[in-house]
Every structure is written in C-alpha cells, then in structure tokens.
Protein backbone atom coordinates (compact mmCIF):
# COMPACT_ATOMS: atom_id res chain seq x y z
CA MET A 1 -159.65 19.06 -144.38
CA PRO A 2 -161.58 16.05 -146.84
CA ASP A 3 -162.52 12.83 -144.84
CA ARG A 4 -159.27 11.33 -143.27
CA SER A 5 -160.27 8.07 -143.25
CA LEU A 6 -160.58 8.41 -147.23
CA LEU A 7 -157.56 9.53 -147.76
CA LEU A 8 -155.69 7.12 -145.84
CA ARG A 9 -158.11 4.20 -147.58
CA TRP A 10 -156.21 5.59 -150.68
CA ALA A 11 -152.78 5.35 -149.37
CA THR A 12 -153.24 1.86 -148.12
CA ASP A 13 -154.12 0.85 -151.34
CA THR A 14 -151.54 2.79 -153.17
CA TRP A 15 -148.75 1.28 -150.75
CA ARG A 16 -150.12 -2.48 -151.87
CA SER A 17 -149.51 -1.32 -155.21
CA PHE A 18 -145.93 -0.87 -154.53
CA GLU A 19 -145.83 -3.91 -152.27
CA ALA A 20 -146.82 -5.66 -155.48
CA MET A 21 -144.50 -3.96 -158.06
CA THR A 22 -141.21 -4.59 -155.86
CA ASP A 23 -138.69 -7.39 -156.36
CA PRO A 24 -138.04 -9.11 -153.37
CA ASP A 25 -134.59 -9.93 -153.94
CA SER A 26 -133.33 -6.51 -156.05
CA GLY A 27 -135.66 -4.22 -153.68
CA LEU A 28 -136.42 -2.14 -157.45
CA PRO A 29 -139.88 -1.42 -158.33
CA THR A 30 -141.07 -1.97 -161.73
CA ASP A 31 -142.46 0.48 -164.20
CA ALA A 32 -145.80 -1.23 -164.15
CA ILE A 33 -148.30 -3.37 -163.17
CA ALA A 34 -151.82 -4.87 -164.04
CA VAL A 35 -154.46 -3.48 -162.11
CA ASP A 36 -154.95 -7.00 -160.48
CA LEU A 37 -151.53 -7.02 -159.03
CA ASP A 38 -150.58 -10.31 -160.82
CA PRO A 39 -146.87 -10.48 -160.61
CA ALA A 40 -146.53 -11.96 -164.03
CA THR A 41 -147.38 -8.78 -165.44
CA ARG A 42 -144.71 -6.96 -164.27
CA SER A 43 -142.56 -5.17 -167.01
CA GLY A 44 -139.69 -6.36 -166.44
CA TYR A 45 -137.92 -2.68 -166.60
CA THR A 46 -137.40 0.26 -164.19
CA SER A 47 -135.84 3.77 -164.20
CA PRO A 48 -134.25 5.76 -161.98
CA THR A 49 -137.35 7.97 -161.40
CA ASN A 50 -139.27 4.87 -160.58
CA ILE A 51 -136.51 3.87 -158.23
CA GLY A 52 -136.23 7.62 -156.75
CA GLY A 53 -140.37 7.20 -156.11
CA LEU A 54 -140.01 3.87 -154.40
CA LEU A 55 -137.75 5.13 -151.95
CA TRP A 56 -139.76 8.61 -150.87
CA CYS A 57 -142.95 6.35 -150.94
CA THR A 58 -141.31 3.90 -148.42
CA VAL A 59 -140.67 6.78 -146.16
CA ALA A 60 -144.22 8.02 -146.69
CA ALA A 61 -145.60 4.58 -145.86
CA ARG A 62 -143.80 4.61 -142.80
CA ASP A 63 -145.01 7.99 -142.02
CA LEU A 64 -148.43 6.75 -142.37
CA GLY A 65 -147.95 4.07 -140.66
CA LEU A 66 -148.51 1.57 -143.27
CA VAL A 67 -145.57 -0.02 -142.89
CA GLY A 68 -143.40 -0.42 -139.70
CA ALA A 69 -140.27 1.21 -138.97
CA ASP A 70 -137.89 -1.50 -139.10
CA ALA A 71 -139.39 -3.33 -142.08
CA ALA A 72 -139.27 0.17 -143.84
CA ALA A 73 -135.86 0.67 -143.47
CA ASP A 74 -134.90 -2.90 -144.46
CA ARG A 75 -136.59 -2.01 -147.62
CA LEU A 76 -134.63 0.95 -148.11
CA ALA A 77 -131.51 -0.51 -147.27
CA ARG A 78 -131.98 -3.63 -149.75
CA LEU A 79 -132.91 -1.04 -152.53
CA LEU A 80 -129.60 1.41 -151.83
CA GLY A 81 -127.93 -1.61 -151.38
CA THR A 82 -128.89 -2.67 -155.27
CA LEU A 83 -128.56 1.22 -156.70
CA ALA A 84 -124.94 0.77 -154.90
CA ARG A 85 -123.72 -1.75 -157.93
CA MET A 86 -125.79 -0.47 -160.75
CA GLU A 87 -123.74 0.60 -163.80
CA VAL A 88 -123.64 4.16 -163.86
CA HIS A 89 -122.04 7.10 -165.65
CA ASP A 90 -118.29 6.90 -163.70
CA GLU A 91 -117.67 10.68 -164.02
CA SER A 92 -121.11 12.26 -162.71
CA GLY A 93 -122.36 9.10 -160.72
CA MET A 94 -125.39 9.41 -163.08
CA PHE A 95 -127.77 6.87 -163.98
CA PHE A 96 -128.75 5.43 -167.30
CA ASN A 97 -132.77 5.43 -167.80
CA TRP A 98 -133.68 1.56 -168.07
CA TYR A 99 -132.37 -1.49 -165.99
CA ASP A 100 -133.85 -4.70 -165.55
CA ASP A 101 -136.02 -4.55 -162.45
CA ARG A 102 -134.71 -7.94 -160.85
CA THR A 103 -131.24 -7.61 -161.32
CA GLY A 104 -130.67 -3.93 -161.71
CA ALA A 105 -128.88 -5.35 -164.65
CA LEU A 106 -128.29 -2.03 -167.46
CA LEU A 107 -130.72 -3.03 -170.52
CA HIS A 108 -129.75 -2.98 -174.02
CA ARG A 109 -132.96 -4.05 -175.12
CA MET A 110 -136.28 -3.73 -173.88
CA PRO A 111 -137.41 -7.02 -172.15
CA GLY A 112 -139.37 -9.34 -174.44
CA GLY A 113 -137.31 -8.83 -177.72
CA GLY A 114 -138.21 -5.22 -177.71
CA ASP A 115 -136.76 -2.40 -179.36
CA PRO A 116 -132.41 -1.34 -179.03
CA ILE A 117 -131.96 0.55 -175.99
CA HIS A 118 -129.24 3.83 -176.49
CA PRO A 119 -128.88 4.28 -172.67
CA PHE A 120 -129.07 7.62 -171.78
CA LEU A 121 -128.44 9.76 -169.17
CA SER A 122 -131.68 12.22 -168.06
CA SER A 123 -131.13 15.34 -166.35
CA VAL A 124 -135.33 15.18 -165.02
CA ASP A 125 -134.42 11.03 -164.08
CA ASN A 126 -131.82 11.66 -162.10
CA GLY A 127 -133.59 14.92 -160.38
CA TRP A 128 -136.11 12.89 -159.15
CA LEU A 129 -133.64 9.91 -158.09
CA ALA A 130 -131.46 12.19 -156.07
CA ALA A 131 -134.88 13.77 -154.38
CA GLY A 132 -135.81 10.26 -153.31
CA LEU A 133 -132.60 9.85 -152.12
CA MET A 134 -132.38 12.73 -150.05
CA VAL A 135 -135.73 12.13 -148.57
CA ALA A 136 -134.22 8.72 -147.49
CA ALA A 137 -131.28 10.19 -146.08
CA ALA A 138 -133.13 12.52 -143.87
CA ALA A 139 -135.94 10.13 -142.89
CA GLU A 140 -134.19 7.04 -141.96
CA PRO A 141 -130.53 7.25 -140.04
CA ARG A 142 -129.67 3.64 -140.45
CA VAL A 143 -129.79 4.15 -144.41
CA ARG A 144 -128.44 7.53 -144.56
CA ASP A 145 -124.57 6.16 -145.02
CA ASP A 146 -126.01 3.97 -148.00
CA ALA A 147 -128.13 6.91 -149.55
CA HIS A 148 -125.33 9.38 -149.50
CA LEU A 149 -122.86 6.40 -150.76
CA VAL A 150 -125.18 6.79 -154.15
CA LEU A 151 -126.33 10.57 -153.97
CA ASP A 152 -122.62 12.12 -153.09
CA ARG A 153 -121.45 10.45 -156.06
CA MET A 154 -124.32 12.46 -158.23
CA HIS A 155 -122.91 15.79 -159.85
CA PHE A 156 -125.63 17.67 -161.35
CA GLY A 157 -123.10 20.29 -163.03
CA VAL A 158 -122.91 17.50 -165.72
CA PHE A 159 -126.22 19.02 -167.30
CA HIS A 160 -125.72 22.38 -166.66
CA ASP A 161 -124.50 24.32 -169.77
CA PRO A 162 -123.74 28.18 -168.44
CA ALA A 163 -123.52 29.21 -172.27
CA ALA A 164 -127.45 28.09 -173.09
CA GLY A 165 -129.76 30.73 -172.53
CA PRO A 166 -129.49 34.87 -172.58
CA GLU A 167 -126.13 35.92 -172.12
CA GLY A 168 -124.88 35.99 -168.65
CA ALA A 169 -128.60 34.13 -167.17
CA GLY A 170 -127.28 31.19 -165.20
CA GLY A 171 -127.01 28.73 -167.98
CA ARG A 172 -129.66 25.79 -168.60
CA LEU A 173 -130.12 22.44 -168.09
CA THR A 174 -129.76 19.76 -171.60
CA GLY A 175 -132.38 17.05 -171.21
CA GLY A 176 -129.31 14.68 -170.75
CA PHE A 177 -126.48 12.78 -172.69
CA TRP A 178 -125.49 9.67 -174.13
CA VAL A 179 -121.79 8.14 -173.66
CA GLU A 180 -121.94 6.28 -177.21
CA ASP A 181 -123.46 7.86 -180.58
CA PRO A 182 -127.16 7.36 -180.59
CA GLY A 183 -127.86 7.72 -184.13
CA GLN A 184 -129.25 11.59 -183.78
CA PRO A 185 -128.20 15.18 -183.52
CA THR A 186 -126.39 15.53 -180.74
CA ARG A 187 -123.68 18.40 -179.05
CA ARG A 188 -120.39 17.19 -178.06
CA ALA A 189 -119.44 19.14 -174.57
CA SER A 190 -118.22 19.12 -171.07
CA PHE A 191 -119.58 21.03 -168.01
CA VAL A 192 -117.58 20.18 -165.09
CA PRO A 193 -113.70 20.57 -165.32
CA GLY A 194 -111.51 17.47 -165.64
CA HIS A 195 -114.94 15.24 -166.62
CA ALA A 196 -114.09 13.88 -170.34
CA GLU A 197 -116.82 15.17 -173.33
CA VAL A 198 -120.06 13.41 -173.91
CA LEU A 199 -123.16 13.49 -175.95
CA HIS A 200 -125.42 16.02 -175.21
CA THR A 201 -129.19 16.49 -176.27
CA VAL A 202 -129.48 19.57 -178.49
CA HIS A 203 -132.65 20.84 -176.34
CA HIS A 204 -132.01 23.10 -173.25
CA TYR A 205 -135.02 23.25 -170.75
CA ASP A 206 -135.96 26.95 -170.61
CA LEU A 207 -139.19 27.21 -168.61
CA LEU A 208 -139.44 27.81 -165.12
CA ASP A 209 -142.74 26.12 -164.40
CA SER A 210 -141.83 22.57 -165.52
CA GLU A 211 -140.68 19.38 -164.39
CA PRO A 212 -137.42 19.58 -164.54
CA ARG A 213 -137.08 22.32 -162.01
CA ILE A 214 -136.84 19.28 -159.03
CA ALA A 215 -133.25 18.71 -161.04
CA SER A 216 -132.53 22.72 -160.49
CA TYR A 217 -133.39 22.27 -156.77
CA VAL A 218 -131.47 19.67 -156.28
CA GLY A 219 -128.34 20.89 -158.19
CA ILE A 220 -128.41 24.17 -156.18
CA ALA A 221 -129.28 22.82 -153.10
CA ARG A 222 -125.96 20.54 -153.69
CA GLY A 223 -124.03 23.39 -154.78
CA GLN A 224 -123.54 22.35 -158.70
CA ILE A 225 -125.65 24.51 -159.84
CA PRO A 226 -125.32 28.35 -159.56
CA ALA A 227 -128.93 30.12 -158.27
CA GLU A 228 -128.81 32.52 -161.31
CA HIS A 229 -129.85 29.47 -163.58
CA TYR A 230 -133.28 28.72 -161.27
CA ALA A 231 -133.67 32.86 -161.17
CA ALA A 232 -133.43 33.22 -165.37
CA LEU A 233 -135.47 30.47 -166.25
CA ASP A 234 -138.54 31.53 -168.40
CA ALA A 235 -141.68 32.64 -167.02
CA PRO A 236 -143.86 33.66 -169.74
CA LEU A 237 -147.88 34.19 -169.37
CA ARG A 238 -150.91 32.77 -170.84
CA HIS A 239 -154.47 34.57 -170.52
CA TYR A 240 -157.15 32.20 -169.87
CA ARG A 241 -160.77 32.87 -168.34
CA GLY A 242 -159.77 36.07 -167.17
CA ARG A 243 -156.37 35.28 -165.12
CA ASP A 244 -152.62 35.57 -166.01
CA VAL A 245 -150.93 31.89 -165.57
CA VAL A 246 -147.35 30.90 -166.08
CA PRO A 247 -147.53 27.95 -168.03
CA THR A 248 -146.36 24.54 -168.38
CA PHE A 249 -144.96 23.23 -171.91
CA GLY A 250 -147.80 21.22 -172.33
CA GLY A 251 -150.59 22.24 -169.77
CA SER A 252 -150.16 19.46 -167.81
CA MET A 253 -150.84 18.77 -163.73
CA PHE A 254 -147.59 16.77 -163.83
CA GLU A 255 -145.25 19.29 -165.04
CA ALA A 256 -146.98 21.86 -162.69
CA LEU A 257 -147.00 20.35 -159.36
CA MET A 258 -144.77 17.27 -159.16
CA PRO A 259 -141.78 19.44 -157.27
CA THR A 260 -144.22 20.77 -154.96
CA ILE A 261 -144.21 17.41 -152.98
CA PHE A 262 -141.02 18.38 -151.75
CA VAL A 263 -140.29 21.98 -152.23
CA PRO A 264 -142.69 24.25 -150.29
CA GLU A 265 -143.01 26.53 -153.14
CA ALA A 266 -146.25 28.10 -152.20
CA ARG A 267 -145.34 28.73 -148.93
CA TRP A 268 -142.06 30.05 -149.70
CA ALA A 269 -143.43 32.32 -152.06
CA PRO A 270 -146.85 33.20 -151.74
CA ASP A 271 -147.48 35.60 -154.09
CA THR A 272 -145.85 33.99 -157.19
CA TRP A 273 -145.64 30.33 -157.34
CA GLY A 274 -149.11 30.03 -154.42
CA VAL A 275 -150.56 32.39 -156.95
CA ASN A 276 -149.81 30.14 -159.81
CA GLU A 277 -150.02 26.78 -158.36
CA ALA A 278 -153.91 27.64 -157.15
CA ARG A 279 -154.35 29.22 -160.74
CA THR A 280 -153.15 26.25 -162.43
CA VAL A 281 -155.20 23.69 -160.54
CA ALA A 282 -158.43 25.98 -161.18
CA LEU A 283 -158.17 26.39 -164.56
CA GLN A 284 -157.59 22.30 -164.91
CA ARG A 285 -160.88 21.98 -163.11
CA GLU A 286 -162.84 24.88 -165.12
CA TYR A 287 -161.30 23.89 -168.59
CA ALA A 288 -163.00 20.30 -167.80
CA LEU A 289 -166.39 21.32 -166.00
CA ASP A 290 -166.88 24.32 -167.46
CA GLU A 291 -165.53 25.19 -170.52
CA GLN A 292 -165.79 21.26 -172.18
CA GLY A 293 -168.45 19.62 -170.01
CA TYR A 294 -166.45 16.57 -169.34
CA GLY A 295 -167.81 15.92 -166.12
CA TYR A 296 -164.41 15.03 -164.37
CA TRP A 297 -160.63 16.63 -164.67
CA GLY A 298 -157.25 16.33 -163.92
CA PHE A 299 -155.05 15.84 -167.15
CA SER A 300 -151.54 14.73 -167.21
CA PRO A 301 -149.52 12.30 -169.53
CA SER A 302 -150.54 8.78 -168.32
CA ALA A 303 -151.05 5.46 -169.35
CA ARG A 304 -153.78 5.22 -172.31
CA PRO A 305 -156.72 2.86 -172.05
CA GLY A 306 -156.13 -0.09 -173.65
CA GLU A 307 -152.36 0.49 -174.07
CA GLY A 308 -149.34 2.43 -174.73
CA TYR A 309 -148.59 6.08 -173.12
CA GLY A 310 -150.10 9.63 -174.13
CA VAL A 311 -149.74 12.74 -172.94
CA PHE A 312 -152.76 14.82 -171.86
CA GLY A 313 -153.42 18.41 -170.93
CA VAL A 314 -154.97 21.61 -170.93
CA PRO A 315 -154.37 23.81 -174.33
CA PRO A 316 -155.30 26.88 -173.14
CA ILE A 317 -152.67 26.91 -169.99
CA ALA A 318 -149.75 25.19 -172.17
CA TRP A 319 -146.47 27.23 -173.77
CA LEU A 320 -146.52 24.36 -176.95
CA ASP A 321 -148.88 26.16 -179.39
CA GLU A 322 -151.45 23.74 -179.45
CA GLY A 323 -150.54 21.96 -176.04
CA TYR A 324 -151.55 18.68 -175.02
CA PRO A 325 -154.82 17.61 -176.26
CA SER A 326 -157.35 16.56 -173.60
CA GLU A 327 -158.79 14.63 -175.92
CA GLN A 328 -157.10 11.78 -178.51
CA GLY A 329 -159.09 9.76 -180.95
CA GLY A 330 -162.53 10.44 -179.43
CA GLU A 331 -161.31 9.61 -175.75
CA VAL A 332 -161.19 11.87 -173.12
CA VAL A 333 -158.16 10.46 -170.91
CA VAL A 334 -158.58 11.87 -167.21
CA THR A 335 -155.33 10.65 -164.72
CA PRO A 336 -155.89 10.21 -160.96
CA HIS A 337 -152.72 11.23 -160.14
CA ALA A 338 -153.24 14.81 -161.81
CA SER A 339 -156.33 15.24 -158.76
CA ALA A 340 -154.14 13.59 -156.25
CA MET A 341 -151.19 16.35 -156.55
CA ALA A 342 -154.18 18.95 -156.16
CA LEU A 343 -155.33 17.60 -152.84
CA LEU A 344 -151.97 19.83 -151.81
CA VAL A 345 -154.08 23.02 -153.39
CA GLU A 346 -157.63 22.25 -153.74
CA PRO A 347 -158.46 19.60 -151.04
CA GLU A 348 -162.33 19.83 -151.53
CA GLU A 349 -162.61 19.87 -155.10
CA ALA A 350 -159.87 17.11 -155.86
CA THR A 351 -161.39 14.94 -152.83
CA GLU A 352 -164.71 15.04 -155.25
CA ASN A 353 -163.10 14.69 -157.93
CA LEU A 354 -161.21 11.31 -157.07
CA VAL A 355 -164.54 10.19 -155.06
CA ARG A 356 -166.37 10.24 -158.33
CA LEU A 357 -163.55 8.71 -160.47
CA GLU A 358 -163.78 5.67 -158.05
CA ARG A 359 -167.52 5.36 -157.64
CA ASP A 360 -168.93 6.36 -160.82
CA LEU A 361 -166.22 5.13 -163.17
CA GLY A 362 -164.79 2.35 -161.35
CA ALA A 363 -161.31 3.83 -162.06
CA TYR A 364 -160.25 1.76 -158.59
CA GLY A 365 -158.66 -1.67 -157.76
CA PRO A 366 -156.74 -3.49 -155.00
CA GLY A 367 -153.81 -1.11 -155.48
CA GLY A 368 -155.73 1.96 -155.66
CA PHE A 369 -156.56 3.87 -158.74
CA VAL A 370 -156.03 2.91 -162.46
CA ASP A 371 -153.81 5.09 -163.82
CA ALA A 372 -156.17 6.74 -166.30
CA VAL A 373 -159.53 6.58 -167.35
CA ASP A 374 -161.59 7.66 -170.68
CA VAL A 375 -164.49 9.25 -169.00
CA ARG A 376 -166.57 9.24 -171.99
CA THR A 377 -166.86 5.46 -171.76
CA GLY A 378 -165.59 4.04 -168.64
CA ARG A 379 -162.56 2.27 -170.14
CA THR A 380 -159.38 2.44 -168.12
CA ALA A 381 -155.51 1.79 -168.36
CA GLY A 382 -156.09 -1.53 -166.58
CA ARG A 383 -152.77 -0.92 -165.03
CA HIS A 384 -150.44 0.84 -162.56
CA LEU A 385 -147.49 2.89 -163.49
CA SER A 386 -144.97 3.59 -160.66
CA LEU A 387 -144.26 7.00 -161.49
CA ASP A 388 -147.79 7.90 -161.22
CA GLN A 389 -148.33 5.82 -158.30
CA SER A 390 -145.60 7.89 -156.45
CA MET A 391 -147.38 11.13 -157.22
CA VAL A 392 -150.79 9.64 -155.66
CA LEU A 393 -148.65 8.14 -152.66
CA GLY A 394 -146.59 11.26 -152.10
CA ALA A 395 -149.07 13.80 -152.16
CA LEU A 396 -151.47 11.84 -150.02
CA ALA A 397 -148.50 11.49 -147.30
CA ASP A 398 -148.10 15.32 -147.56
CA VAL A 399 -151.70 15.72 -146.76
CA LEU A 400 -152.19 13.37 -144.26
CA ALA A 401 -148.65 13.60 -142.53
CA GLY A 402 -147.90 16.78 -142.21
CA ASP A 403 -146.30 17.67 -145.42
CA CYS A 404 -143.86 14.64 -144.79
CA LEU A 405 -142.18 14.73 -147.79
CA ARG A 406 -141.51 18.04 -148.13
CA ARG A 407 -140.10 17.68 -144.32
CA TRP A 408 -137.54 15.61 -145.08
CA PHE A 409 -136.57 16.92 -148.52
CA ALA A 410 -136.72 20.79 -147.53
CA THR A 411 -134.59 20.07 -144.41
CA GLU A 412 -132.89 23.15 -142.21
CA GLN A 413 -129.52 22.96 -144.32
CA VAL A 414 -131.39 22.83 -147.88
CA GLU A 415 -134.31 25.26 -147.02
CA ALA A 416 -131.70 27.51 -145.98
CA VAL A 417 -130.38 27.34 -149.52
CA LEU A 418 -133.66 27.15 -151.87
CA ARG A 419 -135.84 29.14 -149.76
CA PRO A 420 -134.18 32.51 -150.68
CA VAL A 421 -133.65 31.44 -154.37
CA VAL A 422 -137.18 30.61 -154.69
CA ALA A 423 -139.03 33.30 -152.85
CA ALA A 424 -136.59 35.74 -154.82
CA ARG A 425 -138.19 34.69 -157.79
CA ARG A 426 -140.49 37.30 -159.75
CA MET A 427 -143.44 36.20 -162.13
CA PRO A 428 -145.17 38.71 -164.50
CA LEU A 429 -148.71 37.93 -163.09
CA GLY A 430 -151.24 40.15 -163.31
C-alpha cells in the first residue's frame, strides 16, 4: 500500500480544485480552471459528465474527511436543486451537452462569442451523470429524494438500438441524439414505445472495453437495457509484448479504467476483467518506459500543454488501426489522471509515477495535479479539467476509503443485477 499521507495530500489538493470550480449559487462545476484556481479563469460552461463527477467527488470528499457531512449534504442539495430545474429532453429525461455553469441555462453558443452549438444528448455523458446520481442517492439519505427526482426520469432505453449489431445480439447504444437537425448525417428513430422519434447518430458503440459501458451498466441495473446487450459487445484481441489484451478504441486509460471507479469488475470477474485490467496497465507502463524510453507513463485524452485538447493512448493496445498517438507534434503528453486510476490496479508503480510527475516535472499546483505535461520539455497544460480531476479524486477515494464509490454505486440491489452479467461475460484471453 502506498504512503497513505501522500495519497491523502493529493486528494485534499484535488478537492480544493473542485471548491474553486464550483459556482457558489448554482452548485454547478465549471469545465476547466487555471492551475492557480483564479475564479476569473472558469470556463463558463459545464456538461452532464462534469456534474456527475462533482456529485461523486462530493461524496468522496466527505468519506475522506475533507468536508463535513452537513456541508457535503448542503452542496449536494444545491447542485441537485439546480439539476431539477435545468432543461432536458422531456420524454427521456436526458441532459444536453453544454450548460451555463452559473445558471444552468442550456447553451446554444459557447461563452465569449464561441461557435454555435447544436444541442446534443450523449449516451456516455448521461451515463456518468446517472452514476453520480446513483452514488449521491445511496450515500446521503438527506438528498436521496432529490437525486431520484432527476435519476428516475432518465430512461437509457432511449439510446438502445435493439436492431444494431449481429442479429439477436442484444443491440447497441447509439452515440446519442439531437432533437433538431444538426446539419450532419443522422438516423431518425425511437427505441422506447410511446416516445417520439429523434435524430440519432449513425454510429453505435460496439466495443466492450470502452467508457460507454458505464451507460450500459446503468441501463441494465435500472432495467432499461437488456443484459444480452452487454454479453454481445465486441471483445477483439490485440497481442503485444507476449500477451493478449482486449483493446479499447484508442488505447487510452480513461476508456479502460474509468468505469472501474464504480463497478468492481476485476473482483466480480477476476479471470476476465481482472486479467485484462492488469495487462492494460502493465502494457501502458511498459510501452512508455521500455519500448519508447519516455521515462513517465499514463496516456489518456487530456488538455494539451499550452491550449486545446488532444487524445493520447498506446497504439499497440488500441482497436483503431493507428490508435490514439502517444506523441503529437513532437510532444509526449502524459496525464496524471491515467496513473491515478492505475492506483486501483498497480498501486506501487502508479504512485511512483505520480511522485515523479510532481517532483521532477512540476506538474502540480494548489489544486493538485495539472491536467497534462509534455515529458520532454516539462511544459504543462496549465489548467485543471473537471472531468479529469473527478477521475483522480474518485480513484484516490476508492483506494483510501475502502472502495467507497464502488460501494455507493454497486449497492446490494445493483450488485444483484450487474454482478452475474459481468461475471458471465467471456473474453478470449490467452
């Protein structure tokens, strides 16, 4: 077990970033803030994933003793009250992609005169929001009714296309839908009896080992998606450094491990998920240290040093032909949230990597780890992303507080539904 005081310091500082990112009136988190936590650098917008992350991080902070129980309940109540007033898709109860982080108003243009937005309802984003709502409802009786007021109107069947995939295979989730023409190819359909047709993405999520499985877990747990859907998701193989691994789409840690913050897949299925998660982390580490000689490891989508956002991964363990790159434009961008989640799999190795990112590269500030760093130059992203901080604090809480987020999400009732589904899923690992 790594030094507990060290991990708790990281958790304490990460929670400080959430305090700075949270609007005191709406209770909503901003999408990003500068590393110095200056309120003037708040992004001005937020997403369902960000909101879900603040819900579970508030519970995590309470369980770690970083915020008092009454203060945590007040924070949750304020946030849930805002959520209940926000504009959603009426029939499904699903949330749109971008909202004003001060008022909760639906955005049709990014702040500061940015690009127009065609409001979209993402299956993955809503999956993370629902996960946060499930955690809050189970963890804090004082807000249980408020959490269920939002959660119980969400119907994940709206994303489940029963005809997608091989015949009789349980269907696939679409990427999401629009209610108005977005000016790109769509498919008009309704998957819930009595719901009006909406404009779905033309693509579906096919891979088992990818972040959309959180929406699958939520939908199955709530009886809105059939278990056969999960059983039939694709589990192809990649062979790298003498081991078979079920790949993610781009070869990133986020895709592979973020759902494990809530669902103890490796414990429920040690011969499949347990093996695959261990190999995924080991191969990320070996690729960076042994194959490429980068000196540091942990690749996942993140802010880029300077500005912008990029997708980073380990190409040999990606399903995409070339995978997400580990290098772009001469930069090797490592993100601390990847190693934070790896604490759940390789605690000693991940701790050592995080220590060196802080000590040697200075990828740290008053709000915890900076979102990303170029390991060749030491240039950092200079900001925190709410999503990535929620992975850091979520993983630290599971390690330090006895799998607290897994216990709050996978309650006795949820485990009774999900555990047999996860345990029965086979992978062709050699």
